[in-house]
Protein backbone atom coordinates (compact mmCIF):
# COMPACT_ATOMS: atom_id res chain seq x y z
CA UNK A 1 83.75 -21.96 -32.62
CA UNK A 2 87.49 -21.95 -32.99
CA UNK A 3 89.19 -25.33 -33.74
CA UNK A 4 92.88 -24.62 -33.04
CA UNK A 5 93.06 -21.60 -30.77
CA UNK A 6 91.96 -22.09 -27.07
CA UNK A 7 91.77 -19.31 -24.43
CA UNK A 8 95.64 -19.12 -24.57
CA UNK A 9 96.90 -19.87 -27.97
CA UNK A 10 97.28 -23.30 -29.71
CA UNK A 11 98.24 -26.22 -27.57
CA UNK A 12 98.74 -29.99 -27.90
CA UNK A 13 101.24 -32.78 -27.76
CA UNK A 14 104.01 -32.32 -30.28
CA UNK A 15 104.06 -34.61 -33.21
CA UNK A 16 100.51 -35.67 -32.35
CA UNK A 17 97.73 -33.01 -32.18
CA UNK A 18 100.40 -30.23 -32.34
CA UNK A 19 101.92 -31.52 -35.59
CA UNK A 20 104.68 -30.02 -37.74
CA UNK A 21 102.17 -29.62 -40.51
CA UNK A 22 99.87 -27.60 -38.27
CA UNK A 23 102.64 -25.30 -37.10
CA UNK A 24 103.74 -24.78 -40.74
CA UNK A 25 100.12 -23.87 -41.59
CA UNK A 26 99.81 -21.47 -38.70
CA UNK A 27 103.01 -19.67 -39.83
CA UNK A 28 101.89 -19.50 -43.37
CA UNK A 29 98.58 -18.09 -42.33
CA UNK A 30 100.20 -15.61 -39.95
CA UNK A 31 102.53 -14.48 -42.73
CA UNK A 32 99.66 -14.09 -45.34
CA UNK A 33 97.36 -12.19 -42.89
CA UNK A 34 99.69 -10.14 -40.72
CA UNK A 35 102.68 -9.76 -43.01
CA UNK A 36 105.52 -9.61 -40.27
CA UNK A 37 109.00 -8.99 -41.38
CA UNK A 38 110.51 -9.70 -38.00
CA UNK A 39 109.34 -12.16 -35.35
CA UNK A 40 110.73 -12.54 -31.72
CA UNK A 41 110.61 -16.07 -30.17
CA UNK A 42 110.84 -17.12 -26.59
CA UNK A 43 109.81 -20.28 -24.77
CA UNK A 44 109.89 -22.24 -21.49
CA UNK A 45 112.14 -25.21 -20.68
CA UNK A 46 110.24 -28.01 -22.39
CA UNK A 47 112.38 -30.32 -24.37
CA UNK A 48 110.26 -29.84 -27.56
CA UNK A 49 110.95 -26.10 -27.60
CA UNK A 50 113.82 -26.38 -30.09
CA UNK A 51 111.84 -28.65 -32.41
CA UNK A 52 108.93 -26.25 -32.50
CA UNK A 53 111.28 -23.30 -33.04
CA UNK A 54 112.58 -25.25 -36.13
CA UNK A 55 109.12 -25.81 -37.35
CA UNK A 56 108.35 -22.07 -36.98
CA UNK A 57 111.50 -21.06 -38.90
CA UNK A 58 110.51 -23.54 -41.71
CA UNK A 59 107.06 -22.24 -41.80
CA UNK A 60 107.82 -18.58 -42.56
CA UNK A 61 109.42 -17.54 -45.92
CA UNK A 62 112.71 -15.78 -46.45
CA UNK A 63 110.91 -12.50 -46.23
CA UNK A 64 110.77 -12.99 -42.53
CA UNK A 65 113.49 -12.90 -39.88
CA UNK A 66 112.90 -15.01 -36.76
CA UNK A 67 114.99 -14.18 -33.70
CA UNK A 68 115.31 -16.64 -30.96
CA UNK A 69 115.66 -15.04 -27.50
CA UNK A 70 115.84 -18.36 -25.63
CA UNK A 71 114.14 -19.35 -22.36
CA UNK A 72 112.31 -16.46 -20.81
CA UNK A 73 109.13 -15.73 -18.90
CA UNK A 74 106.32 -14.91 -21.26
CA UNK A 75 105.76 -11.40 -19.87
CA UNK A 76 109.22 -10.52 -21.22
CA UNK A 77 107.87 -10.58 -24.76
CA UNK A 78 106.08 -7.21 -24.56
CA UNK A 79 109.41 -5.56 -23.56
CA UNK A 80 111.36 -7.32 -26.35
CA UNK A 81 108.75 -6.33 -28.99
CA UNK A 82 108.78 -2.69 -27.86
CA UNK A 83 112.52 -2.27 -27.51
CA UNK A 84 113.74 -4.35 -30.37
CA UNK A 85 110.91 -3.33 -32.82
CA UNK A 86 109.82 -6.60 -33.91
CA UNK A 87 106.41 -7.00 -35.63
CA UNK A 88 105.10 -10.09 -33.72
CA UNK A 89 106.07 -12.52 -30.89
CA UNK A 90 105.85 -16.23 -30.70
CA UNK A 91 105.88 -17.82 -27.31
CA UNK A 92 106.63 -21.54 -27.31
CA UNK A 93 104.88 -22.86 -24.20
CA UNK A 94 101.93 -24.74 -22.70
CA UNK A 95 102.09 -22.56 -19.52
CA UNK A 96 100.85 -24.68 -16.60
CA UNK A 97 100.23 -27.90 -18.63
CA UNK A 98 102.36 -30.99 -18.11
CA UNK A 99 105.67 -31.44 -19.80
CA UNK A 100 104.37 -33.59 -22.74
CA UNK A 101 102.36 -30.57 -23.93
CA UNK A 102 103.58 -27.56 -25.76
CA UNK A 103 101.96 -24.72 -27.65
CA UNK A 104 102.24 -21.40 -29.39
CA UNK A 105 101.03 -17.99 -28.27
CA UNK A 106 101.08 -15.25 -30.69
CA UNK A 107 101.68 -11.76 -29.45
CA UNK A 108 101.03 -8.58 -31.42
CA UNK A 109 103.34 -5.60 -31.65
CA UNK A 110 101.61 -3.89 -28.66
CA UNK A 111 102.54 -6.89 -26.43
CA UNK A 112 98.99 -8.18 -26.34
CA UNK A 113 97.49 -11.52 -27.30
CA UNK A 114 95.61 -11.73 -30.48
CA UNK A 115 91.88 -10.99 -30.34
CA UNK A 116 89.28 -13.67 -30.92
CA UNK A 117 88.47 -12.07 -34.24
CA UNK A 118 92.06 -12.21 -35.45
CA UNK A 119 92.30 -15.95 -34.31
CA UNK A 120 89.05 -16.69 -36.20
CA UNK A 121 90.57 -15.19 -39.39
CA UNK A 122 93.69 -17.11 -38.91
CA UNK A 123 91.75 -20.33 -38.46
CA UNK A 124 90.01 -19.81 -41.88
CA UNK A 125 93.40 -19.30 -43.48
CA UNK A 126 94.92 -22.35 -41.65
CA UNK A 127 92.18 -24.54 -43.14
CA UNK A 128 92.90 -23.30 -46.61
CA UNK A 129 96.74 -22.73 -46.84
CA UNK A 130 99.54 -24.94 -48.35
CA UNK A 131 102.81 -24.38 -46.79
CA UNK A 132 105.73 -23.41 -48.97
CA UNK A 133 108.94 -25.25 -48.06
CA UNK A 134 111.00 -23.77 -50.85
CA UNK A 135 112.35 -20.99 -48.60
CA UNK A 136 112.80 -20.71 -44.79
CA UNK A 137 112.98 -17.73 -42.62
CA UNK A 138 116.13 -16.05 -41.72
CA UNK A 139 117.15 -17.23 -38.21
CA UNK A 140 119.05 -15.24 -35.64
CA UNK A 141 119.56 -15.56 -31.97
CA UNK A 142 120.01 -12.98 -29.22
CA UNK A 143 120.81 -13.05 -25.52
CA UNK A 144 119.56 -9.52 -24.88
CA UNK A 145 116.06 -10.47 -23.79
CA UNK A 146 116.87 -11.14 -20.11
CA UNK A 147 118.59 -7.96 -19.67
CA UNK A 148 115.74 -5.93 -21.20
CA UNK A 149 113.32 -7.84 -19.03
CA UNK A 150 115.14 -7.33 -15.77
CA UNK A 151 115.85 -3.59 -16.51
CA UNK A 152 112.11 -2.97 -16.94
CA UNK A 153 111.11 -4.90 -13.78
CA UNK A 154 113.73 -2.95 -11.82
CA UNK A 155 112.25 0.32 -13.08
CA UNK A 156 108.97 -0.66 -11.32
CA UNK A 157 110.63 -1.64 -7.99
CA UNK A 158 110.93 1.66 -6.25
CA UNK A 159 109.51 1.52 -2.77
CA UNK A 160 110.33 -2.10 -1.86
CA UNK A 161 111.98 -2.25 1.55
CA UNK A 162 114.29 -5.25 0.73
CA UNK A 163 115.29 -5.77 4.40
CA UNK A 164 111.74 -6.81 5.31
CA UNK A 165 111.36 -9.76 3.10
CA UNK A 166 112.66 -13.39 3.10
CA UNK A 167 111.31 -15.26 0.01
CA UNK A 168 110.78 -18.88 -0.95
CA UNK A 169 110.66 -19.22 -4.71
CA UNK A 170 109.24 -22.18 -6.61
CA UNK A 171 110.37 -21.89 -10.27
CA UNK A 172 108.21 -24.85 -11.42
CA UNK A 173 111.30 -26.16 -13.39
CA UNK A 174 110.22 -23.56 -15.95
CA UNK A 175 111.17 -20.27 -17.62
CA UNK A 176 111.53 -18.13 -14.56
CA UNK A 177 114.55 -19.46 -12.79
CA UNK A 178 117.40 -17.24 -14.25
CA UNK A 179 115.24 -14.11 -14.33
CA UNK A 180 114.06 -14.58 -10.72
CA UNK A 181 117.71 -15.08 -9.50
CA UNK A 182 119.00 -11.97 -11.39
CA UNK A 183 115.99 -9.85 -10.23
CA UNK A 184 116.17 -10.67 -6.48
CA UNK A 185 119.92 -10.62 -6.43
CA UNK A 186 119.95 -7.17 -7.78
CA UNK A 187 117.18 -6.04 -5.25
CA UNK A 188 119.25 -7.58 -2.45
CA UNK A 189 116.33 -9.59 -1.15
CA UNK A 190 117.10 -12.79 0.66
CA UNK A 191 115.50 -15.99 -0.95
CA UNK A 192 115.69 -19.65 -1.05
CA UNK A 193 114.86 -21.28 -4.44
CA UNK A 194 113.33 -24.54 -5.49
CA UNK A 195 112.52 -26.53 -8.60
CA UNK A 196 115.07 -25.07 -10.99
CA UNK A 197 115.71 -27.86 -13.42
CA UNK A 198 116.20 -26.65 -16.97
CA UNK A 199 115.58 -29.83 -19.01
CA UNK A 200 111.89 -29.37 -19.07
CA UNK A 201 111.14 -32.98 -18.03
CA UNK A 202 109.51 -31.92 -14.75
CA UNK A 203 108.03 -28.59 -15.68
CA UNK A 204 104.95 -28.07 -13.47
CA UNK A 205 105.24 -31.61 -12.10
CA UNK A 206 104.17 -31.54 -8.41
CA UNK A 207 105.51 -27.91 -8.14
CA UNK A 208 104.75 -24.39 -9.01
CA UNK A 209 101.56 -22.25 -9.07
CA UNK A 210 99.31 -25.22 -9.78
CA UNK A 211 100.27 -27.08 -6.55
CA UNK A 212 101.53 -24.28 -4.29
CA UNK A 213 100.93 -26.32 -1.02
CA UNK A 214 103.99 -28.43 -1.91
CA UNK A 215 106.24 -25.47 -1.55
CA UNK A 216 104.74 -24.97 1.92
CA UNK A 217 106.29 -28.32 2.86
CA UNK A 218 109.81 -27.22 1.86
CA UNK A 219 109.93 -23.45 2.68
CA UNK A 220 111.44 -21.87 5.82
CA UNK A 221 108.74 -20.94 8.46
CA UNK A 222 107.93 -17.15 8.25
CA UNK A 223 109.02 -16.78 4.68
CA UNK A 224 106.79 -15.50 1.89
CA UNK A 225 106.31 -18.02 -0.96
CA UNK A 226 106.24 -17.11 -4.58
CA UNK A 227 105.19 -19.86 -6.93
CA UNK A 228 105.12 -19.59 -10.76
CA UNK A 229 103.99 -21.80 -13.56
CA UNK A 230 105.87 -23.00 -16.48
CA UNK A 231 106.05 -19.69 -18.53
CA UNK A 232 105.71 -17.68 -15.30
CA UNK A 233 102.72 -15.58 -16.50
CA UNK A 234 101.03 -16.38 -13.28
CA UNK A 235 101.94 -16.19 -9.60
CA UNK A 236 100.40 -17.77 -6.47
CA UNK A 237 101.82 -16.68 -3.09
CA UNK A 238 102.06 -18.29 0.33
CA UNK A 239 101.81 -15.96 3.31
CA UNK A 240 104.01 -15.97 6.48
CA UNK A 241 101.71 -18.36 8.31
CA UNK A 242 101.53 -20.83 5.38
CA UNK A 243 98.22 -19.98 3.90
CA UNK A 244 97.74 -19.69 0.11
CA UNK A 245 97.24 -16.24 -1.35
CA UNK A 246 95.63 -16.84 -4.75
CA UNK A 247 94.86 -14.28 -7.41
CA UNK A 248 91.72 -13.06 -5.61
CA UNK A 249 93.79 -12.16 -2.44
CA UNK A 250 96.42 -10.46 -4.54
CA UNK A 251 93.80 -8.49 -6.58
CA UNK A 252 92.27 -7.29 -3.29
CA UNK A 253 95.53 -6.12 -1.87
CA UNK A 254 96.73 -4.58 -5.03
CA UNK A 255 93.36 -2.74 -5.47
CA UNK A 256 93.88 -1.32 -1.98
CA UNK A 257 97.43 -0.20 -2.70
CA UNK A 258 96.71 1.26 -6.20
CA UNK A 259 93.72 3.08 -4.81
CA UNK A 260 95.76 4.58 -2.00
CA UNK A 261 98.45 5.86 -4.33
CA UNK A 262 95.77 7.12 -6.76
CA UNK A 263 96.81 4.70 -9.59
CA UNK A 264 93.67 2.59 -9.69
CA UNK A 265 92.43 3.96 -13.02
CA UNK A 266 88.69 4.56 -13.25
CA UNK A 267 88.36 3.01 -9.72
CA UNK A 268 87.74 -0.22 -11.49
CA UNK A 269 89.11 -3.70 -11.27
CA UNK A 270 88.40 -6.54 -13.90
CA UNK A 271 87.90 -10.08 -12.58
CA UNK A 272 86.50 -13.28 -14.09
CA UNK A 273 83.44 -15.52 -13.44
CA UNK A 274 85.71 -17.69 -11.31
CA UNK A 275 86.53 -14.97 -8.81
CA UNK A 276 85.54 -15.58 -5.19
CA UNK A 277 82.48 -13.91 -3.71
CA UNK A 278 84.74 -12.60 -1.03
CA UNK A 279 86.70 -10.55 -3.62
CA UNK A 280 83.54 -8.94 -4.85
CA UNK A 281 82.57 -7.91 -1.33
CA UNK A 282 86.15 -6.66 -0.62
CA UNK A 283 85.97 -4.45 -3.71
CA UNK A 284 82.52 -3.21 -2.74
CA UNK A 285 83.91 -2.24 0.67
CA UNK A 286 86.57 -0.21 -1.03
CA UNK A 287 83.96 1.56 -3.30
CA UNK A 288 85.69 -0.02 -6.30
CA UNK A 289 83.76 -1.04 -9.37
CA UNK A 290 84.34 -4.60 -10.63
CA UNK A 291 83.84 -5.86 -14.30
CA UNK A 292 83.43 -9.54 -14.78
CA UNK A 293 84.61 -11.36 -17.84
CA UNK A 294 84.84 -14.98 -19.05
CA UNK A 295 87.89 -17.06 -17.89
CA UNK A 296 90.98 -16.18 -19.74
CA UNK A 297 93.54 -13.40 -19.20
CA UNK A 298 93.06 -12.10 -22.77
CA UNK A 299 89.36 -11.41 -21.96
CA UNK A 300 90.46 -9.56 -18.78
CA UNK A 301 92.93 -7.59 -20.75
CA UNK A 302 90.34 -6.59 -23.45
CA UNK A 303 87.90 -5.47 -20.65
CA UNK A 304 90.54 -3.52 -18.95
CA UNK A 305 91.32 -1.67 -22.10
CA UNK A 306 87.61 -1.05 -22.76
CA UNK A 307 86.97 0.21 -19.22
CA UNK A 308 90.33 2.01 -18.93
CA UNK A 309 91.24 -0.05 -15.83
CA UNK A 310 94.79 -0.48 -14.61
CA UNK A 311 94.26 -3.75 -12.61
CA UNK A 312 92.67 -7.02 -13.53
CA UNK A 313 93.16 -10.64 -13.06
CA UNK A 314 92.23 -14.26 -12.35
CA UNK A 315 92.04 -16.38 -9.27
CA UNK A 316 94.57 -18.68 -10.98
CA UNK A 317 97.24 -15.91 -10.52
CA UNK A 318 97.17 -14.11 -13.86
CA UNK A 319 97.34 -10.55 -12.79
CA UNK A 320 97.56 -7.71 -15.30
CA UNK A 321 99.01 -4.27 -14.35
CA UNK A 322 98.20 -2.48 -17.59
CA UNK A 323 100.11 0.69 -16.86
CA UNK A 324 103.26 -1.44 -16.89
CA UNK A 325 102.49 -4.43 -19.13
CA UNK A 326 99.40 -5.40 -21.35
CA UNK A 327 99.60 -8.97 -20.22
CA UNK A 328 100.11 -10.85 -16.93
CA UNK A 329 103.68 -11.53 -15.61
CA UNK A 330 104.49 -13.35 -12.37
CA UNK A 331 107.59 -11.43 -11.52
CA UNK A 332 106.02 -8.00 -12.13
CA UNK A 333 103.08 -9.06 -9.83
CA UNK A 334 105.60 -10.18 -7.21
CA UNK A 335 107.27 -6.82 -7.40
CA UNK A 336 103.92 -4.97 -6.88
CA UNK A 337 102.94 -7.25 -4.00
CA UNK A 338 106.30 -6.45 -2.23
CA UNK A 339 105.73 -2.73 -2.93
CA UNK A 340 102.27 -2.88 -1.41
CA UNK A 341 103.41 -4.75 1.62
CA UNK A 342 106.31 -2.21 2.16
CA UNK A 343 103.73 0.63 1.68
CA UNK A 344 101.30 -0.67 4.32
CA UNK A 345 104.01 -1.84 6.63
CA UNK A 346 102.24 -5.04 7.36
CA UNK A 347 102.74 -8.79 6.83
CA UNK A 348 100.88 -10.52 3.97
CA UNK A 349 99.13 -12.76 6.56
CA UNK A 350 97.91 -9.67 8.36
CA UNK A 351 96.74 -7.55 5.44
CA UNK A 352 94.76 -10.26 3.83
CA UNK A 353 92.78 -10.84 6.98
CA UNK A 354 91.85 -7.07 6.91
CA UNK A 355 90.90 -6.97 3.17
CA UNK A 356 89.09 -10.16 2.18
CA UNK A 357 87.23 -13.04 3.64
CA UNK A 358 87.23 -15.80 1.09
CA UNK A 359 84.19 -18.11 0.72
CA UNK A 360 85.06 -21.80 0.71
CA UNK A 361 85.36 -23.18 -2.81
CA UNK A 362 85.76 -26.62 -4.37
CA UNK A 363 86.70 -27.11 -8.05
CA UNK A 364 85.93 -30.48 -9.58
CA UNK A 365 87.47 -31.39 -12.94
CA UNK A 366 85.55 -33.96 -15.18
CA UNK A 367 87.70 -35.45 -18.02
CA UNK A 368 85.85 -35.58 -21.38
CA UNK A 369 86.11 -38.16 -24.05
CA UNK A 370 84.44 -35.83 -26.68
CA UNK A 371 83.56 -32.29 -27.12
CA UNK A 372 80.52 -31.06 -25.25
CA UNK A 373 77.08 -30.99 -26.94
CA UNK A 374 75.68 -27.63 -26.26
CA UNK A 375 72.03 -28.83 -25.61
CA UNK A 376 73.38 -31.40 -23.08
CA UNK A 377 75.54 -28.75 -21.42
CA UNK A 378 72.53 -26.42 -21.03
CA UNK A 379 70.59 -29.23 -19.49
CA UNK A 380 73.31 -30.01 -17.03
CA UNK A 381 73.65 -26.33 -16.11
CA UNK A 382 69.84 -26.10 -15.45
CA UNK A 383 69.85 -29.23 -13.30
CA UNK A 384 72.94 -27.91 -11.27
CA UNK A 385 71.15 -24.62 -10.92
CA UNK A 386 68.20 -26.41 -9.21
CA UNK A 387 70.74 -28.13 -6.84
CA UNK A 388 72.20 -24.61 -6.00
CA UNK A 389 68.83 -23.09 -5.23
CA UNK A 390 67.87 -26.11 -3.07
CA UNK A 391 71.12 -26.56 -0.99
CA UNK A 392 73.27 -23.44 -1.15
CA UNK A 393 72.02 -20.48 0.84
CA UNK A 394 74.73 -17.96 -0.24
CA UNK A 395 77.11 -18.93 -3.02
CA UNK A 396 76.87 -20.64 -6.48
CA UNK A 397 77.53 -23.63 -8.64
CA UNK A 398 79.34 -22.59 -11.81
CA UNK A 399 80.12 -24.76 -14.89
CA UNK A 400 82.45 -24.17 -17.73
CA UNK A 401 84.56 -26.09 -20.26
CA UNK A 402 88.34 -25.60 -19.96
CA UNK A 403 89.85 -23.65 -22.94
CA UNK A 404 93.06 -25.56 -22.68
CA UNK A 405 92.44 -29.11 -21.82
CA UNK A 406 89.60 -31.74 -22.31
CA UNK A 407 88.04 -30.83 -19.03
CA UNK A 408 84.67 -29.67 -17.71
CA UNK A 409 85.15 -27.68 -14.54
CA UNK A 410 82.49 -27.31 -11.99
CA UNK A 411 83.05 -24.76 -9.14
CA UNK A 412 81.04 -24.95 -5.97
CA UNK A 413 81.08 -21.92 -3.68
CA UNK A 414 79.27 -21.44 -0.39
CA UNK A 415 79.66 -19.63 2.91
CA UNK A 416 80.60 -22.76 4.72
CA UNK A 417 82.19 -26.18 3.95
CA UNK A 418 79.27 -28.06 5.23
CA UNK A 419 77.04 -26.88 2.32
CA UNK A 420 79.65 -27.84 -0.12
CA UNK A 421 80.16 -31.42 1.23
CA UNK A 422 76.36 -31.78 1.24
CA UNK A 423 76.00 -31.24 -2.53
CA UNK A 424 79.15 -32.91 -3.71
CA UNK A 425 77.75 -36.29 -4.33
CA UNK A 426 74.68 -34.79 -6.12
CA UNK A 427 76.88 -32.72 -8.44
CA UNK A 428 79.13 -35.83 -9.29
CA UNK A 429 76.12 -38.02 -9.98
CA UNK A 430 74.32 -35.32 -12.02
CA UNK A 431 77.33 -34.38 -14.15
CA UNK A 432 78.28 -38.00 -14.77
CA UNK A 433 74.80 -38.68 -15.99
CA UNK A 434 75.20 -36.11 -18.80
CA UNK A 435 78.86 -36.58 -19.82
CA UNK A 436 81.26 -39.12 -21.21
CA UNK A 437 83.68 -39.44 -18.35
CA UNK A 438 86.99 -41.05 -18.83
């Protein structure tokens, strides 16, 4: 089991569990194992971004050039690596986590996240390396990243009828603000924009893709909402009637669209274990094969490559369109959603009702004081399985540990809310019995 890398890189609170020493060791291990000569760095708006960039530049030797491209959505990294010919990318971000957290995602030359195997090898080195502070990396900066990013997004935008859309954009006080403005201004799409602070102090705080209902309170009636997280690798939408359109809804719509234009490779879509039963039924109705992975967009991306799929994603809003990017990107997803709506000539609120009937779900997060004991977790899962069989006629209870936070997540899914309410107290009592709850 990995110690430092979670489902989305290394995360923690800077100067505490994400220490200067750890970052130096990560850089030394990366240099020894992967031997990059040129590294691109981007980040979100968190106030610790500059400090962590300094730690990164100190952690590499003078054989390496580190180029700071500034604040940009994480999806831009693949374009930067490709067009500027860097060997690796470092993204300084903790994505959807609160402002006190930060992290590092390492991106390979192809634009993909490192495999579990590569991360495991790095962890072995991290535990055994001694940083060398005698030489620092050469440091450069560039402002070219945003233009490369927008140019590539615009190259995918053919077919959008800009006159049909009015958008409400929630930038989560994160990395997407300037890119979103530039993109939608260039496309001549009318929009209103919220949560655009750049100091990082309120990144993801009561805004963005993790709390999309808060945009609903501010947005103009009849607009389509686009909500991003801190590094903008995910998108959650709000339809014209004010209902949330999460990743499952978007995957259903994009599968229909790509299928219609004969770009749904292998007639296959990759989802995760957290996907709604309604999405599975929608894909079945389209005669589309679904492949299910563990939670984490890197696992979705790996399965997409294995099954030659062009569409995959998570309910949380990470959507991968692999013919265009090997990772999720909220703005790219937004572009393809607008292309699909233009193609079908329907409102989002109308099209979703045709394509997918979502089962009610409730996600409960239990905070953990310590890491989970595997035997105890197995016992808990078995007991919750017994509750599922006794009380839920069509649905499931699913348990997993978060890969980015000290949380145990319990998902309840049923074909009506009454069944969910009936088992809530049993699940809470049972889970509390097995776990150390804060």
